[in-house]
N, C-alpha and C. Protein backbone atom coordinates (compact mmCIF):
# COMPACT_ATOMS: atom_id res chain seq x y z
N MET A 1 0.82 -1.20 0.00
CA MET A 1 0.00 0.00 0.00
C MET A 1 0.86 1.26 0.00
N GLY A 2 2.05 1.20 0.59
CA GLY A 2 2.94 2.35 0.65
C GLY A 2 3.39 2.78 -0.73
N THR A 3 3.67 1.83 -1.62
CA THR A 3 4.13 2.16 -2.97
C THR A 3 3.01 2.81 -3.77
N VAL A 4 1.80 2.30 -3.66
CA VAL A 4 0.66 2.86 -4.38
C VAL A 4 0.41 4.30 -3.91
N ASN A 5 0.48 4.52 -2.60
CA ASN A 5 0.29 5.86 -2.04
C ASN A 5 1.38 6.81 -2.54
N PHE A 6 2.61 6.34 -2.56
CA PHE A 6 3.73 7.16 -3.05
C PHE A 6 3.52 7.54 -4.52
N ILE A 7 3.15 6.57 -5.34
CA ILE A 7 2.92 6.82 -6.77
C ILE A 7 1.75 7.79 -6.96
N TRP A 8 0.68 7.62 -6.19
CA TRP A 8 -0.47 8.51 -6.28
C TRP A 8 -0.08 9.95 -5.92
N ASN A 9 0.65 10.13 -4.84
CA ASN A 9 1.09 11.48 -4.43
C ASN A 9 2.03 12.09 -5.47
N LEU A 10 2.93 11.29 -6.01
CA LEU A 10 3.86 11.76 -7.03
C LEU A 10 3.09 12.21 -8.28
N THR A 11 2.11 11.42 -8.68
CA THR A 11 1.29 11.75 -9.84
C THR A 11 0.52 13.05 -9.62
N LYS A 12 -0.08 13.20 -8.44
CA LYS A 12 -0.81 14.44 -8.13
C LYS A 12 0.11 15.65 -8.19
N ASN A 13 1.32 15.52 -7.62
CA ASN A 13 2.26 16.64 -7.62
C ASN A 13 2.69 17.01 -9.04
N TYR A 14 3.03 16.01 -9.85
CA TYR A 14 3.42 16.29 -11.24
C TYR A 14 2.27 16.95 -12.00
N PHE A 15 1.07 16.45 -11.81
CA PHE A 15 -0.09 17.01 -12.49
C PHE A 15 -0.33 18.46 -12.06
N THR A 16 -0.26 18.72 -10.76
CA THR A 16 -0.46 20.07 -10.23
C THR A 16 0.59 21.04 -10.76
N PHE A 17 1.87 20.66 -10.66
CA PHE A 17 2.93 21.54 -11.15
C PHE A 17 2.88 21.70 -12.67
N GLY A 18 2.44 20.66 -13.37
CA GLY A 18 2.28 20.75 -14.82
C GLY A 18 1.21 21.77 -15.20
N LEU A 19 0.08 21.75 -14.48
CA LEU A 19 -0.98 22.72 -14.76
C LEU A 19 -0.54 24.14 -14.43
N ILE A 20 0.18 24.30 -13.33
CA ILE A 20 0.69 25.63 -12.97
C ILE A 20 1.66 26.12 -14.04
N GLY A 21 2.57 25.25 -14.46
CA GLY A 21 3.54 25.61 -15.50
C GLY A 21 2.86 25.96 -16.81
N LEU A 22 1.86 25.20 -17.18
CA LEU A 22 1.12 25.46 -18.42
C LEU A 22 0.40 26.81 -18.36
N THR A 23 -0.20 27.11 -17.22
CA THR A 23 -0.90 28.38 -17.04
C THR A 23 0.07 29.55 -17.15
N VAL A 24 1.20 29.45 -16.46
CA VAL A 24 2.21 30.53 -16.51
C VAL A 24 2.70 30.70 -17.94
N SER A 25 3.01 29.60 -18.61
CA SER A 25 3.53 29.65 -19.98
C SER A 25 2.50 30.22 -20.96
N ASP A 26 1.24 29.91 -20.75
CA ASP A 26 0.19 30.35 -21.66
C ASP A 26 -0.22 31.80 -21.45
N ARG A 27 -0.25 32.26 -20.19
CA ARG A 27 -0.80 33.58 -19.89
C ARG A 27 0.21 34.66 -19.55
N TYR A 28 1.36 34.29 -18.98
CA TYR A 28 2.26 35.31 -18.44
C TYR A 28 3.60 35.38 -19.16
N ALA A 29 4.30 34.29 -19.25
CA ALA A 29 5.63 34.30 -19.87
C ALA A 29 6.06 32.89 -20.22
N SER A 30 6.93 32.79 -21.21
CA SER A 30 7.51 31.49 -21.56
C SER A 30 8.93 31.73 -22.06
N ILE A 31 9.67 30.65 -22.14
CA ILE A 31 11.04 30.70 -22.65
C ILE A 31 11.05 29.96 -23.98
N VAL A 32 11.55 30.62 -25.02
CA VAL A 32 11.56 30.02 -26.35
C VAL A 32 12.94 30.15 -26.99
N PRO A 33 13.30 29.19 -27.85
CA PRO A 33 14.57 29.29 -28.57
C PRO A 33 14.42 30.24 -29.76
N VAL A 34 15.52 30.88 -30.13
CA VAL A 34 15.54 31.75 -31.30
C VAL A 34 16.37 31.05 -32.37
N GLY A 35 15.76 30.78 -33.51
CA GLY A 35 16.47 30.12 -34.60
C GLY A 35 16.82 31.12 -35.69
N GLY A 36 17.87 30.82 -36.42
CA GLY A 36 18.22 31.63 -37.58
C GLY A 36 19.01 32.88 -37.26
N ILE A 37 19.31 33.63 -38.33
CA ILE A 37 20.16 34.82 -38.18
C ILE A 37 19.45 36.12 -38.57
N SER A 38 18.13 36.07 -38.76
CA SER A 38 17.43 37.28 -39.20
C SER A 38 17.44 38.38 -38.15
N MET A 39 17.68 38.05 -36.89
CA MET A 39 17.73 39.06 -35.83
C MET A 39 19.15 39.27 -35.31
N SER A 40 20.13 38.75 -36.03
CA SER A 40 21.53 38.93 -35.63
C SER A 40 21.92 40.39 -35.87
N PRO A 41 22.65 41.03 -35.03
CA PRO A 41 23.39 40.53 -33.88
C PRO A 41 22.63 40.55 -32.56
N THR A 42 21.35 40.99 -32.56
CA THR A 42 20.59 41.01 -31.31
C THR A 42 20.46 39.61 -30.74
N PHE A 43 20.16 38.63 -31.61
CA PHE A 43 20.07 37.22 -31.20
C PHE A 43 20.94 36.39 -32.12
N ASN A 44 21.50 35.32 -31.58
CA ASN A 44 22.35 34.40 -32.33
C ASN A 44 23.45 35.13 -33.12
N PRO A 45 24.27 35.94 -32.43
CA PRO A 45 25.29 36.69 -33.16
C PRO A 45 26.37 35.82 -33.79
N HIS A 46 26.58 34.63 -33.24
CA HIS A 46 27.61 33.73 -33.77
C HIS A 46 26.94 32.43 -34.17
N ASP A 47 26.18 32.45 -35.25
CA ASP A 47 25.42 31.28 -35.66
C ASP A 47 26.30 30.30 -36.42
N ASP A 48 27.26 29.71 -35.72
CA ASP A 48 28.16 28.71 -36.30
C ASP A 48 27.41 27.38 -36.32
N SER A 49 27.18 26.82 -37.50
CA SER A 49 26.35 25.62 -37.61
C SER A 49 26.86 24.45 -36.78
N SER A 50 28.17 24.34 -36.55
CA SER A 50 28.69 23.21 -35.77
C SER A 50 28.40 23.37 -34.28
N MET A 51 28.18 24.60 -33.82
CA MET A 51 27.93 24.86 -32.40
C MET A 51 26.52 25.40 -32.16
N ARG A 52 25.64 25.33 -33.14
CA ARG A 52 24.32 25.95 -33.05
C ARG A 52 23.54 25.53 -31.81
N ALA A 53 23.56 24.25 -31.46
CA ALA A 53 22.78 23.78 -30.32
C ALA A 53 23.25 24.41 -29.01
N LEU A 54 24.54 24.70 -28.90
CA LEU A 54 25.07 25.27 -27.67
C LEU A 54 25.02 26.78 -27.64
N THR A 55 25.00 27.43 -28.79
CA THR A 55 25.08 28.89 -28.83
C THR A 55 23.76 29.56 -29.18
N ARG A 56 22.75 28.80 -29.52
CA ARG A 56 21.45 29.38 -29.86
C ARG A 56 20.90 30.13 -28.65
N ASP A 57 20.36 31.32 -28.89
CA ASP A 57 19.78 32.11 -27.81
C ASP A 57 18.42 31.56 -27.41
N PHE A 58 18.13 31.63 -26.11
CA PHE A 58 16.81 31.36 -25.56
C PHE A 58 16.35 32.65 -24.90
N VAL A 59 15.09 33.01 -25.11
CA VAL A 59 14.60 34.30 -24.63
C VAL A 59 13.30 34.14 -23.84
N VAL A 60 13.04 35.14 -22.98
CA VAL A 60 11.78 35.20 -22.24
C VAL A 60 10.79 35.99 -23.09
N VAL A 61 9.60 35.41 -23.29
CA VAL A 61 8.54 36.08 -24.02
C VAL A 61 7.44 36.43 -23.02
N GLU A 62 7.27 37.73 -22.79
CA GLU A 62 6.27 38.23 -21.84
C GLU A 62 4.95 38.39 -22.58
N LYS A 63 3.84 37.94 -21.96
CA LYS A 63 2.56 37.93 -22.65
C LYS A 63 1.52 38.88 -22.07
N LEU A 64 1.85 39.58 -20.99
CA LEU A 64 0.89 40.52 -20.40
C LEU A 64 0.58 41.67 -21.35
N CYS A 65 1.51 41.98 -22.26
CA CYS A 65 1.31 43.06 -23.23
C CYS A 65 0.16 42.76 -24.18
N LEU A 66 -0.27 41.51 -24.25
CA LEU A 66 -1.32 41.12 -25.20
C LEU A 66 -2.71 41.57 -24.76
N GLU A 67 -2.88 41.85 -23.46
CA GLU A 67 -4.21 42.24 -22.97
C GLU A 67 -4.78 43.42 -23.73
N LYS A 68 -3.97 44.45 -23.90
CA LYS A 68 -4.44 45.66 -24.59
C LYS A 68 -3.57 46.00 -25.79
N TYR A 69 -2.80 45.02 -26.25
CA TYR A 69 -1.89 45.22 -27.39
C TYR A 69 -1.03 46.45 -27.18
N LYS A 70 -0.37 46.50 -26.03
CA LYS A 70 0.51 47.63 -25.70
C LYS A 70 1.91 47.35 -26.22
N PHE A 71 2.20 47.88 -27.40
CA PHE A 71 3.51 47.73 -28.01
C PHE A 71 4.07 49.10 -28.34
N SER A 72 5.39 49.17 -28.42
CA SER A 72 6.08 50.41 -28.77
C SER A 72 7.04 50.15 -29.91
N LEU A 73 7.41 51.22 -30.61
CA LEU A 73 8.43 51.09 -31.64
C LEU A 73 9.69 50.51 -31.01
N GLY A 74 10.30 49.57 -31.69
CA GLY A 74 11.53 48.96 -31.21
C GLY A 74 11.33 47.71 -30.38
N ASP A 75 10.09 47.39 -30.00
CA ASP A 75 9.85 46.14 -29.26
C ASP A 75 10.18 44.95 -30.16
N VAL A 76 10.78 43.93 -29.58
CA VAL A 76 11.00 42.68 -30.29
C VAL A 76 9.84 41.77 -29.90
N VAL A 77 9.15 41.22 -30.90
CA VAL A 77 7.97 40.40 -30.64
C VAL A 77 8.07 39.04 -31.33
N VAL A 78 7.36 38.09 -30.75
CA VAL A 78 7.17 36.78 -31.37
C VAL A 78 5.76 36.79 -31.94
N PHE A 79 5.61 36.34 -33.19
CA PHE A 79 4.30 36.34 -33.83
C PHE A 79 4.15 35.12 -34.72
N SER A 80 2.90 34.76 -34.96
CA SER A 80 2.60 33.69 -35.91
C SER A 80 2.79 34.25 -37.31
N SER A 81 3.46 33.49 -38.16
CA SER A 81 3.69 33.93 -39.53
C SER A 81 2.36 34.17 -40.23
N PRO A 82 2.23 35.27 -40.97
CA PRO A 82 0.98 35.52 -41.70
C PRO A 82 0.76 34.54 -42.85
N THR A 83 1.82 33.83 -43.26
CA THR A 83 1.68 32.88 -44.36
C THR A 83 1.56 31.44 -43.88
N ASN A 84 1.97 31.15 -42.64
CA ASN A 84 1.87 29.81 -42.07
C ASN A 84 1.70 29.94 -40.56
N HIS A 85 0.47 29.87 -40.08
CA HIS A 85 0.17 30.16 -38.68
C HIS A 85 0.81 29.19 -37.69
N LYS A 86 1.31 28.06 -38.16
CA LYS A 86 2.00 27.12 -37.26
C LYS A 86 3.44 27.56 -37.01
N GLU A 87 3.96 28.43 -37.85
CA GLU A 87 5.34 28.91 -37.75
C GLU A 87 5.39 30.19 -36.92
N LYS A 88 6.33 30.25 -35.98
CA LYS A 88 6.52 31.45 -35.16
C LYS A 88 7.76 32.20 -35.63
N ASN A 89 7.67 33.52 -35.67
CA ASN A 89 8.79 34.37 -36.08
C ASN A 89 9.10 35.36 -34.97
N ILE A 90 10.31 35.89 -35.00
CA ILE A 90 10.71 36.92 -34.04
C ILE A 90 11.31 38.07 -34.83
N LYS A 91 10.74 39.26 -34.64
CA LYS A 91 11.19 40.46 -35.36
C LYS A 91 10.99 41.68 -34.45
N ARG A 92 11.46 42.82 -34.95
CA ARG A 92 11.35 44.08 -34.21
C ARG A 92 10.25 44.93 -34.85
N ILE A 93 9.40 45.54 -34.01
CA ILE A 93 8.36 46.45 -34.51
C ILE A 93 9.03 47.75 -34.93
N THR A 94 8.83 48.11 -36.20
CA THR A 94 9.43 49.35 -36.72
C THR A 94 8.38 50.39 -37.10
N ALA A 95 7.11 50.02 -37.09
CA ALA A 95 6.04 50.99 -37.35
C ALA A 95 4.74 50.49 -36.72
N LEU A 96 3.95 51.44 -36.26
CA LEU A 96 2.67 51.15 -35.59
C LEU A 96 1.54 51.80 -36.38
N PRO A 97 0.27 51.54 -36.01
CA PRO A 97 -0.84 52.11 -36.76
C PRO A 97 -0.70 53.62 -36.97
N GLY A 98 -0.91 54.03 -38.22
CA GLY A 98 -0.81 55.45 -38.58
C GLY A 98 0.55 55.86 -39.10
N ASP A 99 1.59 55.05 -38.85
CA ASP A 99 2.94 55.37 -39.34
C ASP A 99 3.02 55.13 -40.84
N LEU A 100 3.92 55.84 -41.49
CA LEU A 100 4.14 55.72 -42.93
C LEU A 100 5.45 54.99 -43.16
N VAL A 101 5.43 53.96 -44.01
CA VAL A 101 6.62 53.15 -44.29
C VAL A 101 6.81 53.08 -45.80
N SER A 102 8.07 53.08 -46.24
CA SER A 102 8.38 52.92 -47.65
C SER A 102 9.45 51.85 -47.80
N THR A 103 9.25 50.93 -48.74
CA THR A 103 10.22 49.87 -49.00
C THR A 103 10.33 49.68 -50.51
N PRO A 104 11.32 48.91 -50.97
CA PRO A 104 11.43 48.66 -52.41
C PRO A 104 10.21 47.96 -53.00
N HIS A 105 9.54 47.09 -52.23
CA HIS A 105 8.40 46.32 -52.76
C HIS A 105 7.07 47.05 -52.63
N TYR A 106 7.00 47.99 -51.72
CA TYR A 106 5.76 48.73 -51.51
C TYR A 106 6.07 50.21 -51.67
N ASP A 107 5.14 50.95 -52.26
CA ASP A 107 5.29 52.40 -52.22
C ASP A 107 5.01 52.80 -50.77
N ALA A 108 4.77 54.05 -50.54
CA ALA A 108 4.47 54.48 -49.17
C ALA A 108 3.22 53.74 -48.67
N VAL A 109 3.35 53.12 -47.51
CA VAL A 109 2.25 52.37 -46.91
C VAL A 109 1.94 52.99 -45.55
N VAL A 110 0.67 53.32 -45.33
CA VAL A 110 0.24 53.76 -44.00
C VAL A 110 -0.20 52.50 -43.26
N ILE A 111 0.38 52.28 -42.08
CA ILE A 111 0.05 51.08 -41.31
C ILE A 111 -1.39 51.20 -40.82
N PRO A 112 -2.25 50.23 -41.19
CA PRO A 112 -3.66 50.32 -40.78
C PRO A 112 -3.84 50.07 -39.28
N GLU A 113 -4.97 50.51 -38.78
CA GLU A 113 -5.32 50.28 -37.37
C GLU A 113 -5.31 48.78 -37.10
N GLY A 114 -4.78 48.39 -35.95
CA GLY A 114 -4.75 46.98 -35.57
C GLY A 114 -3.63 46.18 -36.21
N HIS A 115 -2.66 46.86 -36.83
CA HIS A 115 -1.54 46.20 -37.49
C HIS A 115 -0.22 46.83 -37.05
N CYS A 116 0.87 46.18 -37.38
CA CYS A 116 2.20 46.75 -37.15
C CYS A 116 3.13 46.28 -38.27
N TRP A 117 4.26 46.93 -38.38
CA TRP A 117 5.28 46.60 -39.38
C TRP A 117 6.46 46.02 -38.63
N VAL A 118 6.92 44.84 -39.03
CA VAL A 118 8.03 44.18 -38.34
C VAL A 118 9.18 43.93 -39.31
N GLU A 119 10.41 44.09 -38.80
CA GLU A 119 11.59 43.83 -39.62
C GLU A 119 12.65 43.16 -38.77
N GLY A 120 13.45 42.32 -39.41
CA GLY A 120 14.59 41.71 -38.74
C GLY A 120 15.74 42.69 -38.67
N ASP A 121 16.57 42.55 -37.64
CA ASP A 121 17.74 43.43 -37.50
C ASP A 121 18.77 43.16 -38.60
N ASN A 122 18.82 41.92 -39.08
CA ASN A 122 19.74 41.54 -40.16
C ASN A 122 18.92 41.51 -41.45
N GLN A 123 18.72 42.68 -42.04
CA GLN A 123 17.79 42.81 -43.15
C GLN A 123 18.13 41.95 -44.36
N ALA A 124 19.39 41.67 -44.57
CA ALA A 124 19.79 40.85 -45.72
C ALA A 124 19.27 39.42 -45.60
N TRP A 125 19.00 38.95 -44.39
CA TRP A 125 18.58 37.57 -44.16
C TRP A 125 17.22 37.47 -43.49
N SER A 126 16.38 38.48 -43.65
CA SER A 126 15.12 38.50 -42.93
C SER A 126 13.92 38.49 -43.86
N LEU A 127 13.00 37.56 -43.61
CA LEU A 127 11.70 37.54 -44.27
C LEU A 127 10.75 38.24 -43.31
N ASP A 128 10.29 39.43 -43.67
CA ASP A 128 9.54 40.25 -42.72
C ASP A 128 8.49 41.07 -43.46
N SER A 129 8.03 42.15 -42.86
CA SER A 129 6.97 42.97 -43.46
C SER A 129 7.36 43.53 -44.82
N ARG A 130 8.64 43.63 -45.11
CA ARG A 130 9.06 44.08 -46.43
C ARG A 130 8.63 43.07 -47.49
N SER A 131 8.39 41.82 -47.08
CA SER A 131 7.93 40.78 -48.00
C SER A 131 6.42 40.56 -47.93
N PHE A 132 5.86 40.55 -46.71
CA PHE A 132 4.44 40.21 -46.57
C PHE A 132 3.56 41.36 -46.08
N GLY A 133 4.11 42.54 -45.90
CA GLY A 133 3.30 43.69 -45.51
C GLY A 133 3.05 43.75 -44.01
N PRO A 134 2.18 44.69 -43.60
CA PRO A 134 1.88 44.83 -42.17
C PRO A 134 1.22 43.56 -41.64
N ILE A 135 1.47 43.26 -40.37
CA ILE A 135 0.84 42.07 -39.77
C ILE A 135 -0.22 42.51 -38.76
N PRO A 136 -1.31 41.74 -38.65
CA PRO A 136 -2.31 42.05 -37.64
C PRO A 136 -1.73 41.86 -36.23
N LEU A 137 -2.05 42.77 -35.32
CA LEU A 137 -1.57 42.63 -33.94
C LEU A 137 -2.08 41.34 -33.30
N GLY A 138 -3.17 40.80 -33.82
CA GLY A 138 -3.71 39.53 -33.31
C GLY A 138 -2.77 38.36 -33.52
N LEU A 139 -1.79 38.48 -34.43
CA LEU A 139 -0.82 37.40 -34.64
C LEU A 139 0.33 37.45 -33.65
N VAL A 140 0.48 38.58 -32.94
CA VAL A 140 1.58 38.73 -31.98
C VAL A 140 1.31 37.85 -30.76
N ARG A 141 2.31 37.06 -30.38
CA ARG A 141 2.19 36.12 -29.26
C ARG A 141 2.87 36.60 -27.98
N GLY A 142 3.67 37.67 -28.08
CA GLY A 142 4.32 38.22 -26.89
C GLY A 142 5.52 39.07 -27.24
N ARG A 143 6.02 39.78 -26.21
CA ARG A 143 7.18 40.67 -26.36
C ARG A 143 8.39 40.01 -25.71
N VAL A 144 9.51 40.04 -26.42
CA VAL A 144 10.76 39.46 -25.90
C VAL A 144 11.38 40.47 -24.94
N THR A 145 11.69 40.01 -23.71
CA THR A 145 12.23 40.94 -22.71
C THR A 145 13.67 40.65 -22.32
N HIS A 146 14.08 39.37 -22.30
CA HIS A 146 15.42 39.01 -21.83
C HIS A 146 15.97 37.81 -22.60
N VAL A 147 17.28 37.79 -22.74
CA VAL A 147 17.99 36.59 -23.20
C VAL A 147 18.38 35.83 -21.93
N VAL A 148 18.08 34.52 -21.89
CA VAL A 148 18.41 33.73 -20.69
C VAL A 148 19.43 32.62 -20.98
N TRP A 149 19.80 32.44 -22.24
CA TRP A 149 20.81 31.45 -22.61
C TRP A 149 21.41 31.86 -23.93
N PRO A 150 22.66 31.71 -24.16
CA PRO A 150 23.71 31.13 -23.31
C PRO A 150 24.12 32.10 -22.19
N PRO A 151 24.77 31.55 -21.15
CA PRO A 151 25.07 32.35 -19.95
C PRO A 151 25.82 33.65 -20.22
N HIS A 152 26.73 33.66 -21.18
CA HIS A 152 27.50 34.89 -21.43
C HIS A 152 26.68 35.98 -22.12
N ARG A 153 25.46 35.66 -22.56
CA ARG A 153 24.60 36.64 -23.23
C ARG A 153 23.37 37.02 -22.42
N VAL A 154 23.26 36.53 -21.19
CA VAL A 154 22.10 36.82 -20.36
C VAL A 154 21.96 38.33 -20.18
N GLY A 155 20.74 38.82 -20.38
CA GLY A 155 20.50 40.25 -20.19
C GLY A 155 19.18 40.70 -20.79
N LYS A 156 18.87 41.96 -20.57
CA LYS A 156 17.64 42.58 -21.05
C LYS A 156 17.76 42.85 -22.55
N VAL A 157 16.67 42.67 -23.26
CA VAL A 157 16.61 43.01 -24.68
C VAL A 157 16.18 44.46 -24.78
N GLU A 158 17.03 45.27 -25.37
CA GLU A 158 16.76 46.71 -25.46
C GLU A 158 15.74 47.02 -26.55
N ARG A 159 14.88 47.96 -26.23
CA ARG A 159 13.93 48.48 -27.22
C ARG A 159 14.69 49.53 -28.02
N MET A 160 14.89 49.27 -29.29
CA MET A 160 15.60 50.24 -30.12
C MET A 160 15.08 50.17 -31.54
N THR A 161 15.27 51.24 -32.24
CA THR A 161 14.91 51.28 -33.65
C THR A 161 16.16 51.72 -34.40
N PRO A 162 16.91 50.75 -34.94
CA PRO A 162 18.10 51.12 -35.70
C PRO A 162 17.73 52.08 -36.83
N LYS A 163 18.64 52.99 -37.14
CA LYS A 163 18.38 54.00 -38.17
C LYS A 163 17.95 53.37 -39.49
N SER A 164 18.52 52.23 -39.82
CA SER A 164 18.19 51.59 -41.09
C SER A 164 16.77 51.03 -41.10
N LEU A 165 16.14 50.90 -39.93
CA LEU A 165 14.79 50.35 -39.86
C LEU A 165 13.73 51.42 -39.64
N THR A 166 14.14 52.66 -39.44
CA THR A 166 13.20 53.71 -39.08
C THR A 166 12.29 54.07 -40.25
N PRO A 167 10.97 54.07 -40.01
CA PRO A 167 10.07 54.53 -41.07
C PRO A 167 10.23 56.03 -41.27
N PHE A 168 9.83 56.53 -42.45
CA PHE A 168 9.96 57.98 -42.65
C PHE A 168 8.67 58.69 -42.32
């Protein structure tokens, strides 16, 4: 009877902590890996393919900003791809509703209400709003606040708008 009781208590504890973890991850914050070099040098500055598993950045994605879609220029966000909703992307917001943006593929575009313009920091390797246009804020899954891995890169993610990304 002692073994059954032990297994039952262990199962209850795992289930309880699993539900708590799922709730925190779904509503408040989660830790996600950053793949690729489209946000380099902000993330994955040394994307050496032989060391990718050890050097890939992991970041905290804060989700409280989703309640009222409170975003600012320069925020780094995770969003569902507008072309494949199962795919998640990470880019920097460079324009908000009402801002005017100009790119080689689009003439001057006014960002519509409920949308934003996102671009990768490494523009040569980034598939972003310059390719697919403004994205609905409803696709945004959270704001990136900190790098938590690898240890030598731990720190806050700065909100910035590089000059090359600034809308006119």
